[in-house]
């Protein structure tokens, strides 16, 4: 599982990074959210719910 992030909509605020209980997200060098550890995602949706810009659109089940 992993969040699906629309990098065009991400504003790099870091709210999703702070809200993820598994700490799988990070801000990359471009200042946008990226999945750092997809294997640890539990699919809770906290990142998706917390994103103020709606940049996280789904939790993909690999």
N, C-alpha and C. Protein backbone atom coordinates (compact mmCIF):
# COMPACT_ATOMS: atom_id res chain seq x y z
N UNK A 1 0.83 -1.19 0.00
CA UNK A 1 0.00 0.00 0.00
C UNK A 1 0.87 1.24 0.00
N UNK A 2 0.33 2.28 -0.60
CA UNK A 2 1.01 3.56 -0.54
C UNK A 2 0.07 4.67 -1.00
N UNK A 3 0.28 5.88 -0.50
CA UNK A 3 -0.54 7.01 -0.94
C UNK A 3 -0.20 7.37 -2.38
N UNK A 4 -1.21 7.79 -3.13
CA UNK A 4 -1.01 8.29 -4.48
C UNK A 4 -1.00 9.81 -4.39
N UNK A 5 0.13 10.41 -4.74
CA UNK A 5 0.34 11.84 -4.56
C UNK A 5 0.38 12.53 -5.92
N UNK A 6 -0.50 13.52 -6.11
CA UNK A 6 -0.45 14.34 -7.31
C UNK A 6 0.53 15.47 -7.03
N UNK A 7 1.74 15.33 -7.54
CA UNK A 7 2.80 16.30 -7.23
C UNK A 7 2.50 17.69 -7.79
N UNK A 8 1.63 17.76 -8.80
CA UNK A 8 1.26 19.08 -9.33
C UNK A 8 0.39 19.86 -8.33
N UNK A 9 -0.36 19.13 -7.50
CA UNK A 9 -1.23 19.78 -6.52
C UNK A 9 -0.58 19.96 -5.15
N UNK A 10 0.51 19.25 -4.90
CA UNK A 10 1.19 19.33 -3.59
C UNK A 10 1.84 20.70 -3.44
N UNK A 11 1.58 21.32 -2.27
CA UNK A 11 2.16 22.64 -1.99
C UNK A 11 3.35 22.56 -1.03
N UNK A 12 3.72 21.34 -0.65
CA UNK A 12 4.89 21.15 0.20
C UNK A 12 4.75 21.64 1.61
N UNK A 13 3.54 21.62 2.13
CA UNK A 13 3.30 22.15 3.48
C UNK A 13 3.79 21.20 4.58
N UNK A 14 3.85 19.90 4.29
CA UNK A 14 4.33 18.93 5.26
C UNK A 14 3.30 18.43 6.25
N UNK A 15 2.05 18.83 6.10
CA UNK A 15 1.01 18.38 7.03
C UNK A 15 0.87 16.86 6.98
N UNK A 16 0.88 16.29 5.79
CA UNK A 16 0.74 14.83 5.66
C UNK A 16 1.92 14.10 6.30
N UNK A 17 3.10 14.68 6.18
CA UNK A 17 4.30 14.09 6.79
C UNK A 17 4.12 14.02 8.30
N UNK A 18 3.60 15.08 8.87
CA UNK A 18 3.37 15.14 10.32
C UNK A 18 2.25 14.21 10.78
N UNK A 19 1.24 14.02 9.94
CA UNK A 19 0.06 13.22 10.33
C UNK A 19 0.25 11.72 10.16
N UNK A 20 1.19 11.29 9.35
CA UNK A 20 1.36 9.86 9.08
C UNK A 20 1.88 9.14 10.33
N UNK A 21 1.09 8.20 10.87
CA UNK A 21 1.53 7.50 12.09
C UNK A 21 2.69 6.55 11.85
N UNK A 22 2.92 6.16 10.61
CA UNK A 22 4.00 5.24 10.29
C UNK A 22 5.26 5.95 9.78
N UNK A 23 5.18 7.27 9.65
CA UNK A 23 6.30 8.11 9.21
C UNK A 23 6.89 7.64 7.88
N UNK A 24 5.99 7.38 6.89
CA UNK A 24 6.46 6.91 5.59
C UNK A 24 6.64 8.02 4.57
N UNK A 25 6.18 9.22 4.89
CA UNK A 25 6.24 10.33 3.95
C UNK A 25 7.36 11.29 4.29
N UNK A 26 7.85 11.97 3.26
CA UNK A 26 8.87 12.99 3.45
C UNK A 26 8.70 14.05 2.37
N UNK A 27 9.29 15.20 2.60
CA UNK A 27 9.34 16.23 1.56
C UNK A 27 10.65 16.02 0.81
N UNK A 28 10.56 15.90 -0.52
CA UNK A 28 11.78 15.65 -1.28
C UNK A 28 12.50 16.96 -1.58
N UNK A 29 13.58 16.88 -2.34
CA UNK A 29 14.40 18.06 -2.63
C UNK A 29 13.65 19.14 -3.40
N UNK A 30 12.58 18.74 -4.10
CA UNK A 30 11.77 19.71 -4.83
C UNK A 30 10.72 20.36 -3.94
N UNK A 31 10.65 19.95 -2.67
CA UNK A 31 9.69 20.54 -1.74
C UNK A 31 8.30 19.97 -1.86
N UNK A 32 8.17 18.78 -2.45
CA UNK A 32 6.86 18.13 -2.54
C UNK A 32 6.90 16.81 -1.79
N UNK A 33 5.73 16.36 -1.40
CA UNK A 33 5.59 15.13 -0.64
C UNK A 33 5.97 13.92 -1.49
N UNK A 34 6.65 12.97 -0.86
CA UNK A 34 7.04 11.74 -1.53
C UNK A 34 6.93 10.58 -0.55
N UNK A 35 6.70 9.40 -1.08
CA UNK A 35 6.63 8.19 -0.26
C UNK A 35 8.05 7.69 -0.05
N UNK A 36 8.48 7.65 1.20
CA UNK A 36 9.83 7.21 1.53
C UNK A 36 9.89 5.72 1.86
N UNK A 37 8.77 5.16 2.36
CA UNK A 37 8.78 3.76 2.80
C UNK A 37 7.40 3.13 2.56
N UNK A 38 7.11 2.82 1.31
CA UNK A 38 5.79 2.29 0.94
C UNK A 38 5.47 0.98 1.64
N UNK A 39 6.47 0.19 1.95
CA UNK A 39 6.23 -1.11 2.59
C UNK A 39 5.65 -0.98 3.99
N UNK A 40 5.82 0.17 4.62
CA UNK A 40 5.32 0.36 5.99
C UNK A 40 3.94 1.03 6.05
N UNK A 41 3.38 1.40 4.91
CA UNK A 41 2.07 2.05 4.87
C UNK A 41 1.00 1.07 5.35
N UNK A 42 0.13 1.55 6.26
CA UNK A 42 -0.96 0.70 6.77
C UNK A 42 -2.30 1.07 6.14
N UNK A 43 -2.31 2.03 5.24
CA UNK A 43 -3.52 2.40 4.53
C UNK A 43 -4.57 3.10 5.36
N UNK A 44 -4.17 3.80 6.39
CA UNK A 44 -5.13 4.43 7.30
C UNK A 44 -5.81 5.66 6.70
N UNK A 45 -5.16 6.32 5.73
CA UNK A 45 -5.75 7.49 5.10
C UNK A 45 -5.53 8.80 5.82
N UNK A 46 -4.76 8.79 6.90
CA UNK A 46 -4.53 10.03 7.65
C UNK A 46 -3.88 11.10 6.78
N UNK A 47 -2.99 10.70 5.91
CA UNK A 47 -2.33 11.66 5.02
C UNK A 47 -3.33 12.27 4.06
N UNK A 48 -4.19 11.43 3.50
CA UNK A 48 -5.17 11.88 2.53
C UNK A 48 -6.17 12.84 3.18
N UNK A 49 -6.62 12.52 4.38
CA UNK A 49 -7.58 13.36 5.09
C UNK A 49 -6.97 14.69 5.52
N UNK A 50 -5.68 14.69 5.80
CA UNK A 50 -5.05 15.91 6.32
C UNK A 50 -4.56 16.87 5.26
N UNK A 51 -4.41 16.41 4.03
CA UNK A 51 -3.85 17.26 2.97
C UNK A 51 -4.80 18.42 2.66
N UNK A 52 -4.36 19.65 2.89
CA UNK A 52 -5.25 20.80 2.69
C UNK A 52 -5.50 21.11 1.20
N UNK A 53 -4.70 20.54 0.32
CA UNK A 53 -4.84 20.84 -1.10
C UNK A 53 -5.41 19.65 -1.89
N UNK A 54 -5.70 18.56 -1.21
CA UNK A 54 -6.25 17.39 -1.89
C UNK A 54 -5.28 16.71 -2.82
N UNK A 55 -3.99 16.82 -2.55
CA UNK A 55 -2.97 16.26 -3.43
C UNK A 55 -2.82 14.75 -3.28
N UNK A 56 -3.27 14.20 -2.17
CA UNK A 56 -3.23 12.75 -1.98
C UNK A 56 -4.62 12.22 -2.33
N UNK A 57 -4.69 11.50 -3.45
CA UNK A 57 -5.97 11.17 -4.04
C UNK A 57 -6.48 9.76 -3.74
N UNK A 58 -5.59 8.88 -3.27
CA UNK A 58 -5.98 7.48 -3.07
C UNK A 58 -4.91 6.79 -2.26
N UNK A 59 -5.28 5.65 -1.69
CA UNK A 59 -4.31 4.76 -1.08
C UNK A 59 -4.28 3.53 -1.97
N UNK A 60 -3.22 3.36 -2.73
CA UNK A 60 -3.12 2.26 -3.68
C UNK A 60 -2.74 0.98 -2.96
N UNK A 61 -3.38 -0.10 -3.35
CA UNK A 61 -3.08 -1.41 -2.79
C UNK A 61 -2.25 -2.15 -3.82
N UNK A 62 -0.96 -2.22 -3.55
CA UNK A 62 -0.05 -2.84 -4.53
C UNK A 62 -0.33 -4.27 -4.76
